[in-house]
Amino acid sequence: MTTSAARIAALPKAELHLHIEGSLEPELMFELAERNSIALPFGSVEEVRAAYRFSNLQSFLDIYYQGAAVLRSAEDFRDLTRAYCERAHADGVVHAEIFFDPQTHTARGIPFETVLSGIEAGLSEARDHLGMTSRLILCFLRHLSEEDAFSTLAEAEAHRHRIHGAGLDSSELGHPPSKFARVFARCRQLGWHVVAHAGEEGPAAYIEEALDVLRAERIDHGVRCLEDPALVARLSTLQIPLTVCPLSNVKLRVFDGIERHNLGRLLDSGICATVNSDDPAYFGGYIGANYAAVADALGFDACRLAVLARNSFRASFLDPASKIAHTAAVDRWLAAIPSDVSA
């Protein structure tokens, strides 16, 4: 039986790898461009979507930063965040830990407070109207300097109780985690959780650096860990989570096709792998589409999908009681599925 989108949407899940700027759909891009009197280099929504053919991470980032230019006011960031939350909620997301990139905006003259307050407003509305909880993770752009990261951190410290964690994203190759060792040491002093993108385009050694130097609590992507058996054993033994983004990996040519993705091998190795959407407006699918893709292409049955959902809550920064409650909801979902269907 083919995978049921309705059943996948009913599966309670957390999303742990989502760049809020990467949820900017072309329709909203045009709406905000008109609101802010910004001329786009595209003539239509179709033309924007046609540009979403990427050869690697950098080719994506070039258009990603171009699109972010339409975000100017707190209202823009609120509308962006609320739109993501509505789509995620429809896909069964009950908790989201969202990345935001302040440097992308402050470099354009947008105040840090404008970005933060707008995103917070969207998350607050999602909590009140959708019952969706959230955490906010500030990401540093690794292609920029350590000095630039420290400048952003200095701005963020005044709002440190409104931020739950620090992350590291953008161009991976040539920018190892160790470049930001001192920045992340300060983030840990602030009591923030620490995560980092590593092992997507960069080597498995970058994952080790993220763990040993930054002391990352979970690894974003991490799919190249299988190149190092000792690292795989470490991730499995310590249950260090990976926030895997299958459709993103295919779109950015990390894998030649979804059927060649190594998510199944990661799970078989005992790793706490999760499924997420990364930059869904650009990569052709929110979290429900990612779950459906691995179910159909990799043959994941309902039990396997439930493992991914349980892992998403285990890997989250929720309190223990909330993790238990959400995991129990996953178990109820699985128990309600007839044994003769896939999901």
C-alpha atoms as a PDB file:
ATOM      1  CA  MET A   1       0.000   0.000   0.000  1.00  0.00           C
ATOM      2  CA  THR A   2       1.333   3.453  -0.831  1.00  0.00           C
ATOM      3  CA  THR A   3       2.210   5.787   1.992  1.00  0.00           C
ATOM      4  CA  SER A   4      -0.753   7.792   3.242  1.00  0.00           C
ATOM      5  CA  ALA A   5      -0.100  11.525   3.503  1.00  0.00           C
ATOM      6  CA  ALA A   6      -2.981  11.771   5.957  1.00  0.00           C
ATOM      7  CA  ARG A   7      -1.429   9.155   8.250  1.00  0.00           C
ATOM      8  CA  ILE A   8       1.959  10.880   8.106  1.00  0.00           C
ATOM      9  CA  ALA A   9       0.305  14.205   8.928  1.00  0.00           C
ATOM     10  CA  ALA A  10      -1.373  12.582  11.937  1.00  0.00           C
ATOM     11  CA  LEU A  11       1.991  11.391  13.286  1.00  0.00           C
ATOM     12  CA  PRO A  12       3.113  13.833  16.031  1.00  0.00           C
ATOM     13  CA  LYS A  13       6.617  15.066  15.300  1.00  0.00           C
ATOM     14  CA  ALA A  14       9.164  17.751  16.117  1.00  0.00           C
ATOM     15  CA  GLU A  15      11.127  19.681  13.519  1.00  0.00           C
ATOM     16  CA  LEU A  16      14.677  20.425  14.623  1.00  0.00           C
ATOM     17  CA  HIS A  17      16.367  21.647  11.433  1.00  0.00           C
ATOM     18  CA  LEU A  18      14.438  24.501   9.843  1.00  0.00           C
ATOM     19  CA  HIS A  19      15.869  27.814   8.647  1.00  0.00           C
ATOM     20  CA  ILE A  20      13.016  30.268   8.910  1.00  0.00           C
ATOM     21  CA  GLU A  21      14.387  32.329   6.022  1.00  0.00           C
ATOM     22  CA  GLY A  22      14.326  29.145   3.951  1.00  0.00           C
ATOM     23  CA  SER A  23      10.554  28.867   4.331  1.00  0.00           C
ATOM     24  CA  LEU A  24      10.001  32.006   2.238  1.00  0.00           C
ATOM     25  CA  GLU A  25       7.653  30.820  -0.502  1.00  0.00           C
ATOM     26  CA  PRO A  26       7.742  32.704  -3.828  1.00  0.00           C
ATOM     27  CA  GLU A  27       4.177  33.958  -3.333  1.00  0.00           C
ATOM     28  CA  LEU A  28       5.091  35.581  -0.019  1.00  0.00           C
ATOM     29  CA  MET A  29       8.353  36.841  -1.524  1.00  0.00           C
ATOM     30  CA  PHE A  30       6.374  38.795  -4.133  1.00  0.00           C
ATOM     31  CA  GLU A  31       3.875  40.007  -1.521  1.00  0.00           C
ATOM     32  CA  LEU A  32       6.625  41.354   0.731  1.00  0.00           C
ATOM     33  CA  ALA A  33       8.523  42.841  -2.197  1.00  0.00           C
ATOM     34  CA  GLU A  34       5.410  44.823  -3.122  1.00  0.00           C
ATOM     35  CA  ARG A  35       4.817  45.813   0.508  1.00  0.00           C
ATOM     36  CA  ASN A  36       8.371  47.124   0.797  1.00  0.00           C
ATOM     37  CA  SER A  37       8.709  48.544  -2.743  1.00  0.00           C
ATOM     38  CA  ILE A  38      11.537  46.162  -3.634  1.00  0.00           C
ATOM     39  CA  ALA A  39      12.211  45.205  -7.235  1.00  0.00           C
ATOM     40  CA  LEU A  40      12.810  41.467  -7.653  1.00  0.00           C
ATOM     41  CA  PRO A  41      14.981  40.035 -10.427  1.00  0.00           C
ATOM     42  CA  PHE A  42      12.116  37.650 -11.278  1.00  0.00           C
ATOM     43  CA  GLY A  43       8.991  38.355 -13.277  1.00  0.00           C
ATOM     44  CA  SER A  44       6.719  35.725 -11.759  1.00  0.00           C
ATOM     45  CA  VAL A  45       6.326  33.025  -9.139  1.00  0.00           C
ATOM     46  CA  GLU A  46       6.988  30.443 -11.858  1.00  0.00           C
ATOM     47  CA  GLU A  47      10.248  32.169 -12.765  1.00  0.00           C
ATOM     48  CA  VAL A  48      11.354  32.038  -9.123  1.00  0.00           C
ATOM     49  CA  ARG A  49      10.614  28.331  -8.875  1.00  0.00           C
ATOM     50  CA  ALA A  50      12.455  27.703 -12.129  1.00  0.00           C
ATOM     51  CA  ALA A  51      15.554  29.250 -10.538  1.00  0.00           C
ATOM     52  CA  TYR A  52      15.499  26.626  -7.769  1.00  0.00           C
ATOM     53  CA  ARG A  53      17.792  24.239  -9.605  1.00  0.00           C
ATOM     54  CA  PHE A  54      20.951  23.996  -7.565  1.00  0.00           C
ATOM     55  CA  SER A  55      24.251  22.319  -8.328  1.00  0.00           C
ATOM     56  CA  ASN A  56      25.630  22.613  -4.795  1.00  0.00           C
ATOM     57  CA  LEU A  57      25.189  24.402  -1.479  1.00  0.00           C
ATOM     58  CA  GLN A  58      26.689  27.680  -2.692  1.00  0.00           C
ATOM     59  CA  SER A  59      24.381  27.937  -5.704  1.00  0.00           C
ATOM     60  CA  PHE A  60      21.455  27.643  -3.308  1.00  0.00           C
ATOM     61  CA  LEU A  61      22.858  30.196  -0.873  1.00  0.00           C
ATOM     62  CA  ASP A  62      23.250  32.778  -3.628  1.00  0.00           C
ATOM     63  CA  ILE A  63      19.511  32.833  -4.331  1.00  0.00           C
ATOM     64  CA  TYR A  64      18.614  32.283  -0.661  1.00  0.00           C
ATOM     65  CA  TYR A  65      20.257  35.539   0.404  1.00  0.00           C
ATOM     66  CA  GLN A  66      18.716  37.322  -2.571  1.00  0.00           C
ATOM     67  CA  GLY A  67      15.241  36.241  -1.481  1.00  0.00           C
ATOM     68  CA  ALA A  68      15.825  37.279   2.132  1.00  0.00           C
ATOM     69  CA  ALA A  69      16.216  40.895   0.968  1.00  0.00           C
ATOM     70  CA  VAL A  70      12.426  41.322   0.956  1.00  0.00           C
ATOM     71  CA  LEU A  71      12.297  40.852   4.744  1.00  0.00           C
ATOM     72  CA  ARG A  72      12.412  44.331   6.239  1.00  0.00           C
ATOM     73  CA  SER A  73       9.946  44.851   9.094  1.00  0.00           C
ATOM     74  CA  ALA A  74       8.892  42.932  12.177  1.00  0.00           C
ATOM     75  CA  GLU A  75       5.585  42.346  10.398  1.00  0.00           C
ATOM     76  CA  ASP A  76       7.446  40.649   7.524  1.00  0.00           C
ATOM     77  CA  PHE A  77       9.240  38.282   9.890  1.00  0.00           C
ATOM     78  CA  ARG A  78       5.997  37.578  11.745  1.00  0.00           C
ATOM     79  CA  ASP A  79       4.181  36.738   8.505  1.00  0.00           C
ATOM     80  CA  LEU A  80       7.051  34.499   7.395  1.00  0.00           C
ATOM     81  CA  THR A  81       7.117  32.629  10.696  1.00  0.00           C
ATOM     82  CA  ARG A  82       3.364  32.259  10.955  1.00  0.00           C
ATOM     83  CA  ALA A  83       3.193  30.888   7.381  1.00  0.00           C
ATOM     84  CA  TYR A  84       5.815  28.250   8.212  1.00  0.00           C
ATOM     85  CA  CYS A  85       4.067  27.272  11.436  1.00  0.00           C
ATOM     86  CA  GLU A  86       0.745  26.795   9.662  1.00  0.00           C
ATOM     87  CA  ARG A  87       2.332  24.490   7.079  1.00  0.00           C
ATOM     88  CA  ALA A  88       4.285  22.585   9.724  1.00  0.00           C
ATOM     89  CA  HIS A  89       1.207  22.191  11.911  1.00  0.00           C
ATOM     90  CA  ALA A  90      -0.699  20.723   8.952  1.00  0.00           C
ATOM     91  CA  ASP A  91       2.134  18.173   8.666  1.00  0.00           C
ATOM     92  CA  GLY A  92       1.821  17.102  12.299  1.00  0.00           C
ATOM     93  CA  VAL A  93       4.582  19.232  13.811  1.00  0.00           C
ATOM     94  CA  VAL A  94       3.749  19.956  17.438  1.00  0.00           C
ATOM     95  CA  HIS A  95       7.154  21.411  18.351  1.00  0.00           C
ATOM     96  CA  ALA A  96       9.717  23.273  16.230  1.00  0.00           C
ATOM     97  CA  GLU A  97      13.237  24.432  16.980  1.00  0.00           C
ATOM     98  CA  ILE A  98      13.840  27.167  14.468  1.00  0.00           C
ATOM     99  CA  PHE A  99      17.086  28.601  13.122  1.00  0.00           C
ATOM    100  CA  PHE A 100      17.404  32.275  12.251  1.00  0.00           C
ATOM    101  CA  ASP A 101      20.350  34.088  10.669  1.00  0.00           C
ATOM    102  CA  PRO A 102      20.603  37.624  12.100  1.00  0.00           C
ATOM    103  CA  GLN A 103      23.753  38.443  10.116  1.00  0.00           C
ATOM    104  CA  THR A 104      21.794  38.040   6.882  1.00  0.00           C
ATOM    105  CA  HIS A 105      19.597  40.913   8.000  1.00  0.00           C
ATOM    106  CA  THR A 106      21.771  43.183  10.123  1.00  0.00           C
ATOM    107  CA  ALA A 107      24.195  43.413   7.194  1.00  0.00           C
ATOM    108  CA  ARG A 108      21.310  45.008   5.286  1.00  0.00           C
ATOM    109  CA  GLY A 109      20.650  47.492   8.055  1.00  0.00           C
ATOM    110  CA  ILE A 110      17.745  45.604   9.643  1.00  0.00           C
ATOM    111  CA  PRO A 111      17.975  45.894  13.457  1.00  0.00           C
ATOM    112  CA  PHE A 112      18.504  42.678  15.425  1.00  0.00           C
ATOM    113  CA  GLU A 113      15.436  43.497  17.552  1.00  0.00           C
ATOM    114  CA  THR A 114      13.258  43.805  14.451  1.00  0.00           C
ATOM    115  CA  VAL A 115      14.208  40.294  13.340  1.00  0.00           C
ATOM    116  CA  LEU A 116      13.839  38.744  16.776  1.00  0.00           C
ATOM    117  CA  SER A 117      10.563  40.407  17.732  1.00  0.00           C
ATOM    118  CA  GLY A 118       8.956  39.552  14.395  1.00  0.00           C
ATOM    119  CA  ILE A 119       9.884  35.875  14.591  1.00  0.00           C
ATOM    120  CA  GLU A 120       8.783  35.753  18.221  1.00  0.00           C
ATOM    121  CA  ALA A 121       5.415  37.236  17.301  1.00  0.00           C
ATOM    122  CA  GLY A 122       4.849  34.523  14.714  1.00  0.00           C
ATOM    123  CA  LEU A 123       5.838  31.790  17.150  1.00  0.00           C
ATOM    124  CA  SER A 124       3.609  33.274  19.833  1.00  0.00           C
ATOM    125  CA  GLU A 125       0.626  33.237  17.476  1.00  0.00           C
ATOM    126  CA  ALA A 126       1.390  29.634  16.561  1.00  0.00           C
ATOM    127  CA  ARG A 127       1.455  28.689  20.227  1.00  0.00           C
ATOM    128  CA  ASP A 128      -1.824  30.469  20.967  1.00  0.00           C
ATOM    129  CA  HIS A 129      -3.767  29.389  17.882  1.00  0.00           C
ATOM    130  CA  LEU A 130      -2.175  26.077  16.916  1.00  0.00           C
ATOM    131  CA  GLY A 131      -0.857  24.793  20.253  1.00  0.00           C
ATOM    132  CA  MET A 132       2.607  24.509  18.718  1.00  0.00           C
ATOM    133  CA  THR A 133       5.622  24.979  21.003  1.00  0.00           C
ATOM    134  CA  SER A 134       9.001  26.228  19.830  1.00  0.00           C
ATOM    135  CA  ARG A 135      12.599  27.090  20.600  1.00  0.00           C
ATOM    136  CA  LEU A 136      14.727  29.686  18.815  1.00  0.00           C
ATOM    137  CA  ILE A 137      18.319  29.017  17.712  1.00  0.00           C
ATOM    138  CA  LEU A 138      20.584  31.827  16.517  1.00  0.00           C
ATOM    139  CA  CYS A 139      22.892  30.647  13.736  1.00  0.00           C
ATOM    140  CA  PHE A 140      26.219  32.209  12.860  1.00  0.00           C
ATOM    141  CA  LEU A 141      27.188  32.379   9.179  1.00  0.00           C
ATOM    142  CA  ARG A 142      30.389  30.390   8.931  1.00  0.00           C
ATOM    143  CA  HIS A 143      31.569  32.062   5.708  1.00  0.00           C
ATOM    144  CA  LEU A 144      31.897  35.305   7.678  1.00  0.00           C
ATOM    145  CA  SER A 145      34.654  36.040  10.178  1.00  0.00           C
ATOM    146  CA  GLU A 146      34.931  35.184  13.843  1.00  0.00           C
ATOM    147  CA  GLU A 147      34.932  38.929  14.492  1.00  0.00           C
ATOM    148  CA  ASP A 148      31.601  39.307  12.715  1.00  0.00           C
ATOM    149  CA  ALA A 149      30.171  36.439  14.763  1.00  0.00           C
ATOM    150  CA  PHE A 150      31.322  38.056  17.988  1.00  0.00           C
ATOM    151  CA  SER A 151      29.686  41.339  16.937  1.00  0.00           C
ATOM    152  CA  THR A 152      26.395  39.512  16.390  1.00  0.00           C
ATOM    153  CA  LEU A 153      26.770  37.701  19.692  1.00  0.00           C
ATOM    154  CA  ALA A 154      27.318  41.022  21.468  1.00  0.00           C
ATOM    155  CA  GLU A 155      23.979  42.233  20.100  1.00  0.00           C
ATOM    156  CA  ALA A 156      22.288  38.975  21.026  1.00  0.00           C
ATOM    157  CA  GLU A 157      23.468  38.975  24.635  1.00  0.00           C
ATOM    158  CA  ALA A 158      20.993  41.713  25.506  1.00  0.00           C
ATOM    159  CA  HIS A 159      18.274  39.259  24.416  1.00  0.00           C
ATOM    160  CA  ARG A 160      19.913  36.087  25.698  1.00  0.00           C
ATOM    161  CA  HIS A 161      16.839  34.924  27.634  1.00  0.00           C
ATOM    162  CA  ARG A 162      14.764  35.025  24.440  1.00  0.00           C
ATOM    163  CA  ILE A 163      17.154  32.696  22.592  1.00  0.00           C
ATOM    164  CA  HIS A 164      17.590  29.011  23.418  1.00  0.00           C
ATOM    165  CA  GLY A 165      20.608  27.975  21.415  1.00  0.00           C
ATOM    166  CA  ALA A 166      23.414  28.749  18.990  1.00  0.00           C
ATOM    167  CA  GLY A 167      24.082  27.072  15.668  1.00  0.00           C
ATOM    168  CA  LEU A 168      26.490  27.248  12.746  1.00  0.00           C
ATOM    169  CA  ASP A 169      25.333  27.278   9.117  1.00  0.00           C
ATOM    170  CA  SER A 170      26.081  28.572   5.594  1.00  0.00           C
ATOM    171  CA  SER A 171      28.958  27.424   3.350  1.00  0.00           C
ATOM    172  CA  GLU A 172      30.604  24.426   5.017  1.00  0.00           C
ATOM    173  CA  LEU A 173      33.635  23.737   2.824  1.00  0.00           C
ATOM    174  CA  GLY A 174      36.696  25.656   3.966  1.00  0.00           C
ATOM    175  CA  HIS A 175      35.026  26.848   7.164  1.00  0.00           C
ATOM    176  CA  PRO A 176      35.588  24.199   9.855  1.00  0.00           C
ATOM    177  CA  PRO A 177      33.770  24.413  13.192  1.00  0.00           C
ATOM    178  CA  SER A 178      37.048  25.208  14.970  1.00  0.00           C
ATOM    179  CA  LYS A 179      36.984  28.641  13.312  1.00  0.00           C
ATOM    180  CA  PHE A 180      34.298  29.582  15.866  1.00  0.00           C
ATOM    181  CA  ALA A 181      35.622  27.838  18.977  1.00  0.00           C
ATOM    182  CA  ARG A 182      35.760  31.017  21.079  1.00  0.00           C
ATOM    183  CA  VAL A 183      32.335  32.198  19.932  1.00  0.00           C
ATOM    184  CA  PHE A 184      30.706  28.944  20.973  1.00  0.00           C
ATOM    185  CA  ALA A 185      32.560  28.904  24.275  1.00  0.00           C
ATOM    186  CA  ARG A 186      30.844  32.193  25.068  1.00  0.00           C
ATOM    187  CA  CYS A 187      27.479  30.817  23.916  1.00  0.00           C
ATOM    188  CA  ARG A 188      27.858  27.932  26.359  1.00  0.00           C
ATOM    189  CA  GLN A 189      28.658  30.423  29.126  1.00  0.00           C
ATOM    190  CA  LEU A 190      25.332  32.102  28.358  1.00  0.00           C
ATOM    191  CA  GLY A 191      23.618  28.800  29.042  1.00  0.00           C
ATOM    192  CA  TRP A 192      22.558  28.246  25.441  1.00  0.00           C
ATOM    193  CA  HIS A 193      22.267  24.861  23.792  1.00  0.00           C
ATOM    194  CA  VAL A 194      24.819  24.326  21.035  1.00  0.00           C
ATOM    195  CA  VAL A 195      24.295  22.690  17.631  1.00  0.00           C
ATOM    196  CA  ALA A 196      26.241  22.867  14.353  1.00  0.00           C
ATOM    197  CA  HIS A 197      25.930  22.009  10.686  1.00  0.00           C
ATOM    198  CA  ALA A 198      28.631  19.486   9.842  1.00  0.00           C
ATOM    199  CA  GLY A 199      29.201  16.552   7.535  1.00  0.00           C
ATOM    200  CA  GLU A 200      26.890  17.625   4.707  1.00  0.00           C
ATOM    201  CA  GLU A 201      29.362  18.875   2.096  1.00  0.00           C
ATOM    202  CA  GLY A 202      32.193  18.966   4.622  1.00  0.00           C
ATOM    203  CA  PRO A 203      34.038  15.803   5.733  1.00  0.00           C
ATOM    204  CA  ALA A 204      33.328  13.553   8.693  1.00  0.00           C
ATOM    205  CA  ALA A 205      36.209  15.300  10.461  1.00  0.00           C
ATOM    206  CA  TYR A 206      34.043  18.423  10.691  1.00  0.00           C
ATOM    207  CA  ILE A 207      31.534  16.429  12.741  1.00  0.00           C
ATOM    208  CA  GLU A 208      34.283  15.489  15.175  1.00  0.00           C
ATOM    209  CA  GLU A 209      35.355  19.130  15.412  1.00  0.00           C
ATOM    210  CA  ALA A 210      31.787  20.202  16.116  1.00  0.00           C
ATOM    211  CA  LEU A 211      31.638  17.672  18.956  1.00  0.00           C
ATOM    212  CA  ASP A 212      35.114  18.157  20.402  1.00  0.00           C
ATOM    213  CA  VAL A 213      35.691  21.873  19.854  1.00  0.00           C
ATOM    214  CA  LEU A 214      32.212  23.422  19.873  1.00  0.00           C
ATOM    215  CA  ARG A 215      30.759  20.713  22.170  1.00  0.00           C
ATOM    216  CA  ALA A 216      27.684  20.465  19.977  1.00  0.00           C
ATOM    217  CA  GLU A 217      24.777  18.606  21.521  1.00  0.00           C
ATOM    218  CA  ARG A 218      23.454  17.526  18.153  1.00  0.00           C
ATOM    219  CA  ILE A 219      24.732  17.620  14.580  1.00  0.00           C
ATOM    220  CA  ASP A 220      22.753  19.202  11.764  1.00  0.00           C
ATOM    221  CA  HIS A 221      22.957  16.950   8.679  1.00  0.00           C
ATOM    222  CA  GLY A 222      25.903  14.702   9.636  1.00  0.00           C
ATOM    223  CA  VAL A 223      25.228  12.250   6.823  1.00  0.00           C
ATOM    224  CA  ARG A 224      28.929  11.814   6.011  1.00  0.00           C
ATOM    225  CA  CYS A 225      29.591  10.279   9.424  1.00  0.00           C
ATOM    226  CA  LEU A 226      29.379   6.836   7.802  1.00  0.00           C
ATOM    227  CA  GLU A 227      32.794   7.509   6.251  1.00  0.00           C
ATOM    228  CA  ASP A 228      34.315   7.045   9.734  1.00  0.00           C
ATOM    229  CA  PRO A 229      33.321   3.851  11.614  1.00  0.00           C
ATOM    230  CA  ALA A 230      34.783   5.137  14.888  1.00  0.00           C
ATOM    231  CA  LEU A 231      32.650   8.276  14.612  1.00  0.00           C
ATOM    232  CA  VAL A 232      29.556   6.197  13.894  1.00  0.00           C
ATOM    233  CA  ALA A 233      30.230   4.158  17.033  1.00  0.00           C
ATOM    234  CA  ARG A 234      30.648   7.354  19.036  1.00  0.00           C
ATOM    235  CA  LEU A 235      27.401   8.882  17.749  1.00  0.00           C
ATOM    236  CA  SER A 236      25.538   5.654  18.418  1.00  0.00           C
ATOM    237  CA  THR A 237      26.966   4.992  21.876  1.00  0.00           C
ATOM    238  CA  LEU A 238      26.426   8.552  23.095  1.00  0.00           C
ATOM    239  CA  GLN A 239      23.143   8.912  21.199  1.00  0.00           C
ATOM    240  CA  ILE A 240      24.202  12.239  19.712  1.00  0.00           C
ATOM    241  CA  PRO A 241      21.342  13.176  17.372  1.00  0.00           C
ATOM    242  CA  LEU A 242      21.604  13.974  13.680  1.00  0.00           C
ATOM    243  CA  THR A 243      19.026  16.312  12.139  1.00  0.00           C
ATOM    244  CA  VAL A 244      18.868  14.839   8.651  1.00  0.00           C
ATOM    245  CA  CYS A 245      17.146  16.629   5.744  1.00  0.00           C
ATOM    246  CA  PRO A 246      16.545  14.068   2.964  1.00  0.00           C
ATOM    247  CA  LEU A 247      14.987  16.234   0.230  1.00  0.00           C
ATOM    248  CA  SER A 248      17.535  18.972   0.871  1.00  0.00           C
ATOM    249  CA  ASN A 249      20.368  16.454   0.528  1.00  0.00           C
ATOM    250  CA  VAL A 250      19.037  15.374  -2.860  1.00  0.00           C
ATOM    251  CA  LYS A 251      18.377  18.920  -4.063  1.00  0.00           C
ATOM    252  CA  LEU A 252      21.942  19.943  -3.191  1.00  0.00           C
ATOM    253  CA  ARG A 253      23.452  16.833  -4.809  1.00  0.00           C
ATOM    254  CA  VAL A 254      24.714  15.267  -1.588  1.00  0.00           C
ATOM    255  CA  PHE A 255      22.915  12.142  -2.866  1.00  0.00           C
ATOM    256  CA  ASP A 256      22.017  11.372  -6.477  1.00  0.00           C
ATOM    257  CA  GLY A 257      18.453  10.446  -5.549  1.00  0.00           C
ATOM    258  CA  ILE A 258      16.262   9.889  -2.523  1.00  0.00           C
ATOM    259  CA  GLU A 259      16.489   6.124  -3.059  1.00  0.00           C
ATOM    260  CA  ARG A 260      20.257   6.412  -2.481  1.00  0.00           C
ATOM    261  CA  HIS A 261      19.992   8.296   0.789  1.00  0.00           C
ATOM    262  CA  ASN A 262      21.769   6.705   3.752  1.00  0.00           C
ATOM    263  CA  LEU A 263      19.086   7.424   6.384  1.00  0.00           C
ATOM    264  CA  GLY A 264      18.269   3.734   6.713  1.00  0.00           C
ATOM    265  CA  ARG A 265      21.915   2.881   7.318  1.00  0.00           C
ATOM    266  CA  LEU A 266      22.172   5.641   9.913  1.00  0.00           C
ATOM    267  CA  LEU A 267      19.255   4.159  11.835  1.00  0.00           C
ATOM    268  CA  ASP A 268      20.589   0.627  11.428  1.00  0.00           C
ATOM    269  CA  SER A 269      23.862   1.838  12.958  1.00  0.00           C
ATOM    270  CA  GLY A 270      21.997   2.836  16.106  1.00  0.00           C
ATOM    271  CA  ILE A 271      22.241   6.582  15.491  1.00  0.00           C
ATOM    272  CA  CYS A 272      19.483   8.866  16.746  1.00  0.00           C
ATOM    273  CA  ALA A 273      18.602  10.252  13.307  1.00  0.00           C
ATOM    274  CA  THR A 274      15.666  12.585  12.719  1.00  0.00           C
ATOM    275  CA  VAL A 275      13.927  13.889   9.584  1.00  0.00           C
ATOM    276  CA  ASN A 276      13.527  17.600   8.875  1.00  0.00           C
ATOM    277  CA  SER A 277      12.933  19.984   5.970  1.00  0.00           C
ATOM    278  CA  ASP A 278      15.875  22.444   6.170  1.00  0.00           C
ATOM    279  CA  ASP A 279      14.797  25.162   3.659  1.00  0.00           C
ATOM    280  CA  PRO A 280      11.471  23.794   2.438  1.00  0.00           C
ATOM    281  CA  ALA A 281      10.473  26.638   0.121  1.00  0.00           C
ATOM    282  CA  TYR A 282      13.646  26.047  -1.886  1.00  0.00           C
ATOM    283  CA  PHE A 283      13.939  22.268  -1.633  1.00  0.00           C
ATOM    284  CA  GLY A 284      10.439  21.249  -2.622  1.00  0.00           C
ATOM    285  CA  GLY A 285       8.958  19.865   0.546  1.00  0.00           C
ATOM    286  CA  TYR A 286       8.044  20.525   4.157  1.00  0.00           C
ATOM    287  CA  ILE A 287       8.496  17.864   6.801  1.00  0.00           C
ATOM    288  CA  GLY A 288       5.516  15.777   5.710  1.00  0.00           C
ATOM    289  CA  ALA A 289       6.947  15.492   2.205  1.00  0.00           C
ATOM    290  CA  ASN A 290      10.287  14.414   3.680  1.00  0.00           C
ATOM    291  CA  TYR A 291       8.635  11.674   5.740  1.00  0.00           C
ATOM    292  CA  ALA A 292       6.654  10.533   2.699  1.00  0.00           C
ATOM    293  CA  ALA A 293       9.766  10.513   0.518  1.00  0.00           C
ATOM    294  CA  VAL A 294      11.733   8.208   2.819  1.00  0.00           C
ATOM    295  CA  ALA A 295       8.700   6.003   3.370  1.00  0.00           C
ATOM    296  CA  ASP A 296       8.174   5.511  -0.341  1.00  0.00           C
ATOM    297  CA  ALA A 297      11.760   5.483  -1.625  1.00  0.00           C
ATOM    298  CA  LEU A 298      13.459   3.713   1.289  1.00  0.00           C
ATOM    299  CA  GLY A 299      10.578   1.445   2.235  1.00  0.00           C
ATOM    300  CA  PHE A 300      10.098   2.830   5.748  1.00  0.00           C
ATOM    301  CA  ASP A 301       7.008   1.312   7.341  1.00  0.00           C
ATOM    302  CA  ALA A 302       4.936   2.799  10.154  1.00  0.00           C
ATOM    303  CA  CYS A 303       7.277   1.411  12.819  1.00  0.00           C
ATOM    304  CA  ARG A 304      10.267   3.051  11.151  1.00  0.00           C
ATOM    305  CA  LEU A 305       8.444   6.384  10.822  1.00  0.00           C
ATOM    306  CA  ALA A 306       7.505   6.183  14.494  1.00  0.00           C
ATOM    307  CA  VAL A 307      11.192   5.715  15.361  1.00  0.00           C
ATOM    308  CA  LEU A 308      11.991   8.934  13.499  1.00  0.00           C
ATOM    309  CA  ALA A 309       9.224  10.793  15.317  1.00  0.00           C
ATOM    310  CA  ARG A 310      10.304   9.481  18.726  1.00  0.00           C
ATOM    311  CA  ASN A 311      13.874  10.473  17.906  1.00  0.00           C
ATOM    312  CA  SER A 312      12.723  13.998  17.068  1.00  0.00           C
ATOM    313  CA  PHE A 313      11.352  14.457  20.569  1.00  0.00           C
ATOM    314  CA  ARG A 314      14.304  12.720  22.243  1.00  0.00           C
ATOM    315  CA  ALA A 315      16.678  15.023  20.376  1.00  0.00           C
ATOM    316  CA  SER A 316      14.706  18.186  21.140  1.00  0.00           C
ATOM    317  CA  PHE A 317      15.412  20.721  23.868  1.00  0.00           C
ATOM    318  CA  LEU A 318      12.017  20.154  25.461  1.00  0.00           C
ATOM    319  CA  ASP A 319      11.733  19.333  29.163  1.00  0.00           C
ATOM    320  CA  PRO A 320      11.604  15.626  30.114  1.00  0.00           C
ATOM    321  CA  ALA A 321       7.869  15.619  30.885  1.00  0.00           C
ATOM    322  CA  SER A 322       7.025  17.051  27.462  1.00  0.00           C
ATOM    323  CA  LYS A 323       9.255  14.499  25.752  1.00  0.00           C
ATOM    324  CA  ILE A 324       7.461  11.657  27.537  1.00  0.00           C
ATOM    325  CA  ALA A 325       4.038  13.060  26.634  1.00  0.00           C
ATOM    326  CA  HIS A 326       4.884  13.499  22.958  1.00  0.00           C
ATOM    327  CA  THR A 327       6.512  10.073  22.722  1.00  0.00           C
ATOM    328  CA  ALA A 328       3.367   8.529  24.182  1.00  0.00           C
ATOM    329  CA  ALA A 329       1.353  10.271  21.462  1.00  0.00           C
ATOM    330  CA  VAL A 330       3.621   8.690  18.839  1.00  0.00           C
ATOM    331  CA  ASP A 331       2.999   5.287  20.408  1.00  0.00           C
ATOM    332  CA  ARG A 332      -0.766   5.869  20.247  1.00  0.00           C
ATOM    333  CA  TRP A 333      -0.461   6.793  16.572  1.00  0.00           C
ATOM    334  CA  LEU A 334       1.405   3.573  15.839  1.00  0.00           C
ATOM    335  CA  ALA A 335      -1.003   1.415  17.830  1.00  0.00           C
ATOM    336  CA  ALA A 336      -3.931   2.777  15.801  1.00  0.00           C
ATOM    337  CA  ILE A 337      -2.484   1.691  12.432  1.00  0.00           C
ATOM    338  CA  PRO A 338      -3.593  -1.717  11.115  1.00  0.00           C
ATOM    339  CA  SER A 339      -0.678  -4.146  10.916  1.00  0.00           C
ATOM    340  CA  ASP A 340      -1.189  -4.785   7.198  1.00  0.00           C
ATOM    341  CA  VAL A 341      -0.511  -1.245   5.965  1.00  0.00           C
ATOM    342  CA  SER A 342       2.759   0.614   5.603  1.00  0.00           C
ATOM    343  CA  ALA A 343       1.741   3.908   7.207  1.00  0.00           C
END
